[in-house]
Amino acid sequence: MDEMPGMRFGHAGTIVEGKDDTTADKIERMRAAGIAVAERIEEIPALIKERILATRGH
């Protein structure tokens, strides 16, 4: 990070594949790939529960 002044990395704001797009674009690509994306921290427990149940076949 110190070698890249002005760059900020964090969650969906991270540069992905060198593309200059929005966080919303990155979130949409992650969801299209089947990745669960929480937009609020409060959503994480429900997303985890959903994934656990899905792996158990429920």
C-alpha atoms as a PDB file:
ATOM      1  CA  MET A   1       0.000   0.000   0.000  1.00  0.00           C
ATOM      2  CA  ASP A   2       2.791   2.442   0.815  1.00  0.00           C
ATOM      3  CA  GLU A   3       4.115   2.048  -2.703  1.00  0.00           C
ATOM      4  CA  MET A   4       0.752   3.008  -4.192  1.00  0.00           C
ATOM      5  CA  PRO A   5      -0.104   6.490  -2.938  1.00  0.00           C
ATOM      6  CA  GLY A   6      -3.684   7.508  -3.523  1.00  0.00           C
ATOM      7  CA  MET A   7      -4.890   3.905  -3.814  1.00  0.00           C
ATOM      8  CA  ARG A   8      -7.496   2.552  -1.422  1.00  0.00           C
ATOM      9  CA  PHE A   9      -8.294  -1.128  -1.106  1.00  0.00           C
ATOM     10  CA  GLY A  10     -11.292  -2.541   0.696  1.00  0.00           C
ATOM     11  CA  HIS A  11     -14.045  -5.013  -0.060  1.00  0.00           C
ATOM     12  CA  ALA A  12     -15.878  -4.334  -3.341  1.00  0.00           C
ATOM     13  CA  GLY A  13     -14.001  -1.067  -3.782  1.00  0.00           C
ATOM     14  CA  THR A  14     -10.846  -2.988  -4.627  1.00  0.00           C
ATOM     15  CA  ILE A  15      -9.515  -2.884  -8.161  1.00  0.00           C
ATOM     16  CA  VAL A  16     -10.641  -6.066  -9.896  1.00  0.00           C
ATOM     17  CA  GLU A  17      -8.875  -7.266 -13.038  1.00  0.00           C
ATOM     18  CA  GLY A  18      -7.645  -3.744 -13.712  1.00  0.00           C
ATOM     19  CA  LYS A  19     -11.147  -2.568 -14.590  1.00  0.00           C
ATOM     20  CA  ASP A  20     -12.181   0.961 -13.735  1.00  0.00           C
ATOM     21  CA  ASP A  21     -15.793   0.405 -12.758  1.00  0.00           C
ATOM     22  CA  THR A  22     -18.085   1.096  -9.849  1.00  0.00           C
ATOM     23  CA  THR A  23     -18.591  -0.827  -6.648  1.00  0.00           C
ATOM     24  CA  ALA A  24     -22.101  -1.690  -7.870  1.00  0.00           C
ATOM     25  CA  ASP A  25     -20.618  -3.207 -11.054  1.00  0.00           C
ATOM     26  CA  LYS A  26     -18.245  -5.354  -8.999  1.00  0.00           C
ATOM     27  CA  ILE A  27     -21.025  -6.465  -6.653  1.00  0.00           C
ATOM     28  CA  GLU A  28     -23.178  -7.464  -9.628  1.00  0.00           C
ATOM     29  CA  ARG A  29     -20.317  -9.534 -11.106  1.00  0.00           C
ATOM     30  CA  MET A  30     -19.756 -11.250  -7.751  1.00  0.00           C
ATOM     31  CA  ARG A  31     -23.452 -12.074  -7.411  1.00  0.00           C
ATOM     32  CA  ALA A  32     -23.564 -13.334 -11.008  1.00  0.00           C
ATOM     33  CA  ALA A  33     -20.693 -15.657 -10.089  1.00  0.00           C
ATOM     34  CA  GLY A  34     -22.716 -17.045  -7.186  1.00  0.00           C
ATOM     35  CA  ILE A  35     -20.937 -15.149  -4.432  1.00  0.00           C
ATOM     36  CA  ALA A  36     -23.099 -14.006  -1.522  1.00  0.00           C
ATOM     37  CA  VAL A  37     -22.620 -10.275  -1.004  1.00  0.00           C
ATOM     38  CA  ALA A  38     -23.740  -8.489   2.148  1.00  0.00           C
ATOM     39  CA  GLU A  39     -24.319  -4.780   1.695  1.00  0.00           C
ATOM     40  CA  ARG A  40     -24.783  -4.342   5.444  1.00  0.00           C
ATOM     41  CA  ILE A  41     -22.963  -6.180   8.212  1.00  0.00           C
ATOM     42  CA  GLU A  42     -26.309  -7.191   9.714  1.00  0.00           C
ATOM     43  CA  GLU A  43     -26.988  -9.339   6.622  1.00  0.00           C
ATOM     44  CA  ILE A  44     -23.983 -11.605   7.186  1.00  0.00           C
ATOM     45  CA  PRO A  45     -25.558 -14.089   9.654  1.00  0.00           C
ATOM     46  CA  ALA A  46     -28.529 -14.706   7.337  1.00  0.00           C
ATOM     47  CA  LEU A  47     -26.236 -15.162   4.317  1.00  0.00           C
ATOM     48  CA  ILE A  48     -24.107 -17.660   6.229  1.00  0.00           C
ATOM     49  CA  LYS A  49     -27.173 -19.572   7.412  1.00  0.00           C
ATOM     50  CA  GLU A  50     -28.531 -19.643   3.852  1.00  0.00           C
ATOM     51  CA  ARG A  51     -25.240 -21.022   2.507  1.00  0.00           C
ATOM     52  CA  ILE A  52     -24.975 -23.671   5.237  1.00  0.00           C
ATOM     53  CA  LEU A  53     -28.524 -24.866   4.571  1.00  0.00           C
ATOM     54  CA  ALA A  54     -27.870 -24.924   0.823  1.00  0.00           C
ATOM     55  CA  THR A  55     -24.800 -27.145   1.271  1.00  0.00           C
ATOM     56  CA  ARG A  56     -26.868 -29.539   3.384  1.00  0.00           C
ATOM     57  CA  GLY A  57     -29.520 -29.802   0.694  1.00  0.00           C
ATOM     58  CA  HIS A  58     -32.287 -27.963   2.566  1.00  0.00           C
END
